Each structure stands twice: as structure tokens, then as C-alpha cells.
Protein backbone atom coordinates (compact mmCIF):
# COMPACT_ATOMS: atom_id res chain seq x y z
CA MET A 1 4.18 15.43 19.22
CA LYS A 2 3.93 14.09 15.72
CA PHE A 3 2.56 10.74 14.62
CA LEU A 4 3.58 8.80 11.51
CA LEU A 5 0.81 6.96 9.67
CA VAL A 6 2.01 4.29 7.26
CA PHE A 7 -0.60 2.96 4.84
CA ASP A 8 -0.60 0.04 2.49
CA PHE A 9 -2.74 0.77 -0.61
CA ASP A 10 -4.50 -2.28 -2.09
CA HIS A 11 -7.25 -3.70 0.18
CA THR A 12 -6.39 -0.96 2.69
CA ILE A 13 -7.00 2.50 1.18
CA ILE A 14 -8.89 1.03 -1.77
CA ASP A 15 -11.13 -1.99 -1.27
CA GLU A 16 -9.66 -3.92 -4.20
CA ASN A 17 -6.32 -4.91 -5.71
CA SER A 18 -5.42 -2.25 -8.28
CA ASP A 19 -3.30 -4.74 -10.28
CA THR A 20 -6.15 -7.21 -10.74
CA TRP A 21 -8.74 -4.43 -11.32
CA ILE A 22 -6.89 -3.32 -14.49
CA VAL A 23 -7.84 -6.68 -16.08
CA ARG A 24 -11.29 -5.10 -16.65
CA CYS A 25 -9.62 -3.29 -19.59
CA ALA A 26 -8.61 -6.58 -21.24
CA PRO A 27 -10.62 -8.17 -24.06
CA GLU A 28 -13.61 -9.95 -22.43
CA LYS A 29 -12.27 -8.60 -19.10
CA LYS A 30 -9.95 -11.55 -18.65
CA LEU A 31 -6.38 -12.66 -19.34
CA PRO A 32 -5.39 -15.69 -21.43
CA ASN A 33 -4.61 -18.78 -19.29
CA GLY A 34 -0.96 -18.86 -20.39
CA LEU A 35 -0.42 -15.32 -19.15
CA ARG A 36 -2.41 -15.87 -15.95
CA ASN A 37 -0.42 -19.00 -15.14
CA SER A 38 2.94 -17.32 -15.81
CA TYR A 39 3.12 -15.74 -12.33
CA GLN A 40 5.92 -17.03 -10.10
CA PRO A 41 5.84 -16.33 -6.35
CA GLY A 42 7.92 -13.27 -5.41
CA HIS A 43 7.95 -11.99 -9.02
CA TRP A 44 4.70 -10.03 -9.20
CA THR A 45 6.15 -6.94 -10.94
CA GLU A 46 7.52 -9.04 -13.81
CA TYR A 47 4.11 -10.67 -14.14
CA MET A 48 2.35 -7.28 -14.18
CA GLY A 49 4.85 -6.11 -16.81
CA ARG A 50 3.61 -8.93 -19.06
CA VAL A 51 -0.01 -8.00 -18.31
CA PHE A 52 0.68 -4.40 -19.39
CA VAL A 53 2.31 -5.63 -22.62
CA TYR A 54 -0.79 -7.73 -23.31
CA LEU A 55 -3.07 -4.73 -22.70
CA GLY A 56 -0.89 -2.56 -24.97
CA ASP A 57 -0.86 -5.22 -27.70
CA ASN A 58 -4.66 -5.21 -27.54
CA GLY A 59 -4.87 -1.46 -28.05
CA VAL A 60 -5.78 -0.50 -24.48
CA LYS A 61 -4.83 3.17 -24.14
CA GLU A 62 -3.86 5.32 -21.17
CA ASP A 63 -7.19 7.18 -20.94
CA GLU A 64 -9.19 3.92 -20.84
CA MET A 65 -6.91 2.55 -18.11
CA LYS A 66 -7.27 5.75 -16.12
CA ARG A 67 -11.07 5.74 -16.43
CA THR A 68 -11.17 2.13 -15.21
CA MET A 69 -8.79 2.67 -12.29
CA THR A 70 -10.60 5.70 -10.93
CA THR A 71 -13.79 3.61 -10.48
CA ILE A 72 -12.17 1.48 -7.73
CA PRO A 73 -14.10 1.93 -4.49
CA PHE A 74 -12.36 3.20 -1.38
CA THR A 75 -12.58 0.97 1.70
CA VAL A 76 -15.61 1.72 3.90
CA GLY A 77 -14.97 4.88 5.95
CA MET A 78 -11.67 5.64 4.17
CA VAL A 79 -12.86 8.89 2.56
CA ASP A 80 -13.82 10.27 6.00
CA LEU A 81 -10.55 9.03 7.50
CA LEU A 82 -8.42 10.70 4.82
CA ASP A 83 -10.43 13.93 5.18
CA PHE A 84 -9.78 13.79 8.96
CA ILE A 85 -6.04 13.26 8.44
CA GLY A 86 -5.97 16.09 5.90
CA GLU A 87 -7.57 18.43 8.45
CA ASN A 88 -4.98 17.46 11.09
CA LYS A 89 -1.78 17.45 9.02
CA GLU A 90 0.09 19.35 11.74
CA LEU A 91 -0.21 16.19 13.89
CA PHE A 92 0.24 13.50 11.25
CA ASP A 93 2.88 12.69 8.70
CA CYS A 94 1.39 10.18 6.31
CA ILE A 95 3.08 7.86 3.79
CA ILE A 96 2.05 5.01 1.51
CA VAL A 97 4.24 1.93 1.06
CA SER A 98 2.69 -0.25 -1.63
CA ASP A 99 3.42 -2.99 -4.13
CA SER A 100 1.13 -1.27 -6.66
CA ASN A 101 2.72 1.39 -8.92
CA THR A 102 3.13 5.16 -9.16
CA VAL A 103 0.71 5.62 -12.08
CA PHE A 104 -2.23 3.77 -10.50
CA ILE A 105 -1.83 5.36 -7.06
CA ASP A 106 -1.38 8.84 -8.54
CA TRP A 107 -4.52 8.50 -10.69
CA ILE A 108 -6.66 7.23 -7.81
CA LEU A 109 -5.49 9.77 -5.20
CA LYS A 110 -5.69 12.75 -7.57
CA ALA A 111 -9.16 11.81 -8.86
CA ALA A 112 -10.42 11.86 -5.26
CA ASP A 113 -8.26 14.89 -4.34
CA PHE A 114 -6.37 12.98 -1.63
CA HIS A 115 -2.82 13.37 -2.99
CA LYS A 116 -2.08 16.22 -0.56
CA VAL A 117 -2.85 14.02 2.46
CA PHE A 118 0.27 11.94 1.79
CA ASP A 119 3.79 13.26 2.28
CA GLU A 120 5.43 10.49 0.26
CA VAL A 121 4.42 7.44 -1.77
CA PHE A 122 6.84 4.53 -2.01
CA THR A 123 5.84 2.12 -4.77
CA ASN A 124 7.05 0.56 -8.01
CA PRO A 125 7.87 3.23 -10.64
CA ALA A 126 5.65 3.09 -13.71
CA ALA A 127 5.40 5.22 -16.86
CA PHE A 128 3.91 5.12 -20.35
CA SER A 129 6.36 4.44 -23.17
CA SER A 130 6.32 6.42 -26.42
CA ALA A 131 4.34 3.51 -27.91
CA GLY A 132 1.66 4.02 -25.23
CA TYR A 133 2.47 0.91 -23.21
CA LEU A 134 2.54 1.07 -19.40
CA THR A 135 5.99 -0.03 -18.21
CA LEU A 136 6.94 -1.05 -14.69
CA GLN A 137 10.16 -1.27 -12.66
CA ASN A 138 11.03 -2.85 -9.33
CA PHE A 139 11.04 -0.32 -6.48
CA HIS A 140 14.52 -1.33 -5.26
CA ALA A 141 16.90 -4.22 -4.65
CA HIS A 142 17.16 -5.72 -1.16
CA HIS A 143 18.47 -8.73 0.74
CA CYS A 144 15.37 -9.68 2.74
CA ALA A 145 14.50 -13.34 2.26
CA LYS A 146 10.93 -12.82 3.53
CA CYS A 147 9.84 -10.22 0.96
CA PRO A 148 9.10 -10.21 -2.78
CA LYS A 149 12.13 -9.46 -4.94
CA ASN A 150 11.01 -5.93 -5.86
CA LEU A 151 10.03 -4.50 -2.46
CA CYS A 152 10.89 -4.93 1.21
CA LYS A 153 8.56 -2.57 3.06
CA ARG A 154 10.67 -2.80 6.23
CA LYS A 155 13.68 -1.44 4.33
CA VAL A 156 11.54 1.41 2.94
CA LEU A 157 10.22 2.31 6.39
CA LYS A 158 13.64 2.12 8.04
CA GLU A 159 15.24 4.35 5.37
CA PHE A 160 12.37 6.85 5.67
CA LEU A 161 12.70 7.02 9.48
CA ASP A 162 16.50 7.42 9.23
CA LYS A 163 16.11 10.25 6.71
CA GLN A 164 13.53 11.98 8.93
CA LEU A 165 15.88 11.70 11.94
CA GLU A 166 18.63 13.40 9.91
CA ARG A 167 16.15 16.24 9.33
CA GLY A 168 15.45 16.36 13.07
CA VAL A 169 12.03 14.71 12.83
CA SER A 170 11.20 11.86 15.20
CA TYR A 171 7.76 10.41 15.87
CA THR A 172 5.89 9.94 19.15
CA ARG A 173 4.25 6.88 17.66
CA ILE A 174 4.07 5.02 14.35
CA VAL A 175 0.74 3.58 13.25
CA TYR A 176 1.01 0.96 10.49
CA ILE A 177 -2.21 0.21 8.60
CA GLY A 178 -2.22 -2.74 6.21
CA ASP A 179 -3.64 -6.09 5.25
CA GLY A 180 -1.14 -8.25 3.37
CA GLY A 181 1.59 -10.77 4.08
CA ASN A 182 4.21 -8.28 2.88
CA ASP A 183 3.11 -5.88 5.66
CA LEU A 184 4.45 -8.20 8.36
CA CYS A 185 8.11 -7.37 7.68
CA PRO A 186 7.73 -3.60 8.38
CA VAL A 187 5.47 -4.34 11.38
CA MET A 188 8.39 -6.30 12.91
CA LEU A 189 10.35 -3.02 12.91
CA LEU A 190 7.83 -1.29 15.19
CA LYS A 191 8.55 -0.66 18.88
CA LYS A 192 6.35 -1.12 21.95
CA ASP A 193 4.76 2.37 21.75
CA ASP A 194 3.85 1.88 18.09
CA ILE A 195 0.72 0.21 16.81
CA ALA A 196 0.04 -2.25 14.01
CA MET A 197 -3.45 -2.08 12.56
CA PRO A 198 -4.11 -5.20 10.47
CA ARG A 199 -7.36 -5.47 8.51
CA GLN A 200 -9.71 -8.03 10.00
CA GLY A 201 -9.77 -11.39 8.23
CA TYR A 202 -6.80 -10.62 5.96
CA THR A 203 -3.32 -12.20 5.81
CA LEU A 204 -1.53 -9.70 8.06
CA GLU A 205 -3.94 -10.31 10.94
CA LYS A 206 -3.57 -14.09 10.53
CA LYS A 207 0.24 -13.89 10.48
CA ILE A 208 0.37 -11.68 13.60
CA SER A 209 -1.99 -14.11 15.40
CA GLN A 210 0.20 -17.04 14.36
CA LEU A 211 3.30 -15.34 15.81
CA ALA A 212 1.47 -14.86 19.12
CA ARG A 213 0.46 -18.55 19.12
CA ASP A 214 4.08 -19.50 18.41
CA LEU A 215 5.06 -17.45 21.50
CA CYS A 216 7.10 -14.95 19.51
CA PRO A 217 4.64 -12.02 19.47
CA ILE A 218 5.51 -8.74 17.80
CA GLU A 219 6.76 -5.91 20.03
CA CYS A 220 4.16 -3.26 19.17
CA SER A 221 0.46 -3.15 20.13
CA VAL A 222 -2.07 -4.61 17.71
CA LEU A 223 -5.49 -3.16 16.94
CA VAL A 224 -7.59 -4.90 14.29
CA TRP A 225 -9.84 -2.82 12.01
CA SER A 226 -12.72 -3.79 9.76
CA SER A 227 -13.61 -0.33 8.45
CA ALA A 228 -11.64 2.92 8.38
CA VAL A 229 -14.08 4.24 11.01
CA ASP A 230 -12.19 2.02 13.51
CA ILE A 231 -8.90 3.65 12.48
CA MET A 232 -10.36 7.15 12.78
CA SER A 233 -11.75 6.39 16.29
CA TYR A 234 -8.29 5.29 17.38
CA LEU A 235 -6.56 8.36 15.89
CA LYS A 236 -9.05 10.66 17.64
CA LEU A 237 -8.21 9.02 20.97
CA LEU A 238 -4.51 9.30 20.17
CA ILE A 239 -4.55 13.07 19.61
CA LYS A 240 -6.62 13.63 22.77
CA LYS A 241 -4.01 11.95 24.99
């Protein structure tokens, strides 16, 4: 009887996008137009790499970035939800699959003392160079046409589940909590006993609704949330069953 909780990070655990929040460190808290307009769809990590070069060129140091990142608010009710999961770790395995990066997620979780709640974090590797610049790599290579070049969350989830099976761990139910368009691909992997929890009013909810209208609904159940209190209520029901 073990449940797997899969969390997205931006606009799910935190109530902002960590990659756009870092722009607060830039001169005048904004990026030059040329840099801002250099983003190409599906190539977000390359774009963020250029943002980090710009911040480094402007003398933005690691400690300033860290101070800025740890001011990001958690989503309403998320602190209570993560405390609840932490108190019930014998029932829940908990992972993050995110298009953010290891440095940002590590800073934010450790500052709030939530790093122990999560068994694994799958996100783009980042590190500071000897010159003090934050550098970023793609998480992996994949062949999924639906996902950004650097990360297919479905592939991550499938590989995690396969590895757990090899260790003799299988899950009664998977609960996937997210908000973005790139969360649809892993949700399509879920089975009828699993549950997708898209954030109300965000892209994932809209895409799931569109699939239902197109008469090709996803296999798992869907429960929309607007605050993490909704997620906690559902998990409490789940462990009572």
C-alpha cells in the first residue's frame, strides 16, 4: 500500500516560475529586448543559459541569486501539504519532475526544510562555474515530438517506475500534480486507478478538457485543484480507504 506523488515545481509547489523570478536580479529587474526575444519554442534551457550569462556579465553573484530565489512564495496550502506528506512518508513516495534546474529547486526546498519530503528530483542539471556563472544543461535526450527538447516528463516517469519495479516497489496509485502543457505527456502514461490533479485555470487543465471534448479522454481520473488544501483533502481520503 504505497502511493507515488509526482509534483511539477513551478506554479505547482511554488506559486511562480523560478526561471522568470531570477530576472529580479538583473539590472532594473528586466532583460534587454534582444535577449528576451531570443527564445525559440522548445528551447527554453538554451534561452535560460543566455539569461544566466547576462546575469553573470552584470556581476550578479550566487549569494544574491540565492537570496532572491528563496523569497518565492509557495502555492497556497503547499506548506501544510508538504508537512502532511513528510509526516506520512511510510505511505508516500514523492518525486519532483520539473523543467526548472537543480540549483533553484535545491535552494528553495532546503531554505524551507522540505528537501527530505522528496525521494528524488528530476530536473535540468545546473552548477556555478569557476567564474561564478550559473551554467545549465539539458536533463536528457529523447524522441518525443510533443515535449521540449531537453525534457520529456513521461520518459522520466516511465524510467523511474521501471527502476522501482526492479527494486520490487510498485504503487497502489500514482497521483500526478501539475499545471503546465509539458505535464500532459506524463499524465497520458497514467492508468485508470491513477489520478491527474491539474491546477485550475492553467494549461494542463485546459488540455485535459480539450481531449475530453475531442472524445479521446485520458485513462486516469481527473481532480482539479485550486489550492494545495484540495490536494491534502484528497490524500487524506486516499489513506483512509
